[in-house]
Amino acid sequence: MPARYDDELEIRTKGTVVTHVRVEFTYEIVRVTDGASLVTGHTVHAALDRDGRPCRLPPHVRALLEETSTETAGRP
């Protein structure tokens, strides 16, 4: 289903901790007028240190993502 130039769109995203180093974000673009889901997708991100090597996610980031995942559990 295509979006048109004047369509109002809502971008929904959710972050999920995959490992101690990686996070996955899922995305859904929804047309506001009729609630139609137009497209979904995801990206995976890794935490890196200053030298470009993988490192653990900072505790406050991990806690925030885990809290958000818990709050949105069961939502469409």
Protein backbone atom coordinates (compact mmCIF):
# COMPACT_ATOMS: atom_id res chain seq x y z
CA MET A 1 0.00 0.00 0.00
CA PRO A 2 1.64 3.32 -1.00
CA ALA A 3 1.78 6.51 0.99
CA ARG A 4 0.78 9.69 -0.84
CA TYR A 5 2.41 13.10 -0.61
CA ASP A 6 -0.14 14.64 1.78
CA ASP A 7 -0.65 11.55 3.96
CA GLU A 8 0.01 12.01 7.66
CA LEU A 9 2.24 9.13 8.74
CA GLU A 10 3.14 7.78 12.15
CA ILE A 11 6.46 6.03 12.64
CA ARG A 12 6.39 3.49 15.46
CA THR A 13 9.65 2.07 16.74
CA LYS A 14 10.67 -0.31 19.47
CA GLY A 15 14.14 -1.14 20.76
CA THR A 16 14.97 -4.62 22.01
CA VAL A 17 18.22 -5.77 23.60
CA VAL A 18 19.48 -8.71 21.53
CA THR A 19 22.76 -9.30 23.38
CA HIS A 20 24.89 -7.34 25.84
CA VAL A 21 26.39 -5.60 22.80
CA ARG A 22 23.59 -5.46 20.20
CA VAL A 23 20.19 -3.78 20.01
CA GLU A 24 17.49 -4.33 17.41
CA PHE A 25 15.05 -1.57 16.48
CA THR A 26 11.83 -2.49 14.69
CA TYR A 27 9.87 0.09 12.73
CA GLU A 28 6.34 0.35 11.39
CA ILE A 29 4.98 3.20 9.29
CA VAL A 30 1.22 3.66 9.67
CA ARG A 31 -1.09 6.00 7.78
CA VAL A 32 -2.95 8.01 10.44
CA THR A 33 -6.27 8.44 8.60
CA ASP A 34 -7.08 4.74 8.26
CA GLY A 35 -4.51 3.00 10.49
CA ALA A 36 -3.10 1.07 7.53
CA SER A 37 0.34 -0.43 8.15
CA LEU A 38 2.35 0.60 5.09
CA VAL A 39 5.74 -0.92 5.79
CA THR A 40 7.78 -2.59 8.53
CA GLY A 41 11.50 -3.02 8.96
CA HIS A 42 14.32 -3.41 11.43
CA THR A 43 17.93 -2.42 12.04
CA VAL A 44 20.54 -3.96 14.33
CA HIS A 45 23.07 -1.74 16.10
CA ALA A 46 26.21 -2.66 18.03
CA ALA A 47 27.81 -0.71 20.86
CA LEU A 48 31.44 0.12 20.10
CA ASP A 49 34.22 1.57 22.18
CA ARG A 50 36.41 4.49 21.07
CA ASP A 51 38.65 2.07 19.16
CA GLY A 52 35.72 0.61 17.19
CA ARG A 53 35.62 -2.67 19.08
CA PRO A 54 32.38 -4.17 20.39
CA CYS A 55 31.63 -3.35 24.03
CA ARG A 56 28.75 -3.83 26.44
CA LEU A 57 25.81 -1.48 26.27
CA PRO A 58 25.92 1.10 29.06
CA PRO A 59 23.72 -0.06 31.96
CA HIS A 60 21.39 2.98 31.69
CA VAL A 61 20.78 2.30 27.98
CA ARG A 62 20.13 -1.39 28.58
CA ALA A 63 17.74 -0.58 31.46
CA LEU A 64 15.83 1.93 29.33
CA LEU A 65 15.40 -0.54 26.46
CA GLU A 66 14.36 -3.35 28.77
CA GLU A 67 11.85 -1.04 30.51
CA THR A 68 10.38 0.02 27.16
CA SER A 69 10.13 -3.60 26.00
CA THR A 70 8.22 -4.50 29.16
CA GLU A 71 5.84 -1.55 28.81
CA THR A 72 4.95 -2.36 25.20
CA ALA A 73 4.62 -6.13 25.62
CA GLY A 74 1.27 -7.26 24.31
CA ARG A 75 0.68 -4.14 22.20
CA PRO A 76 0.13 -4.61 18.47
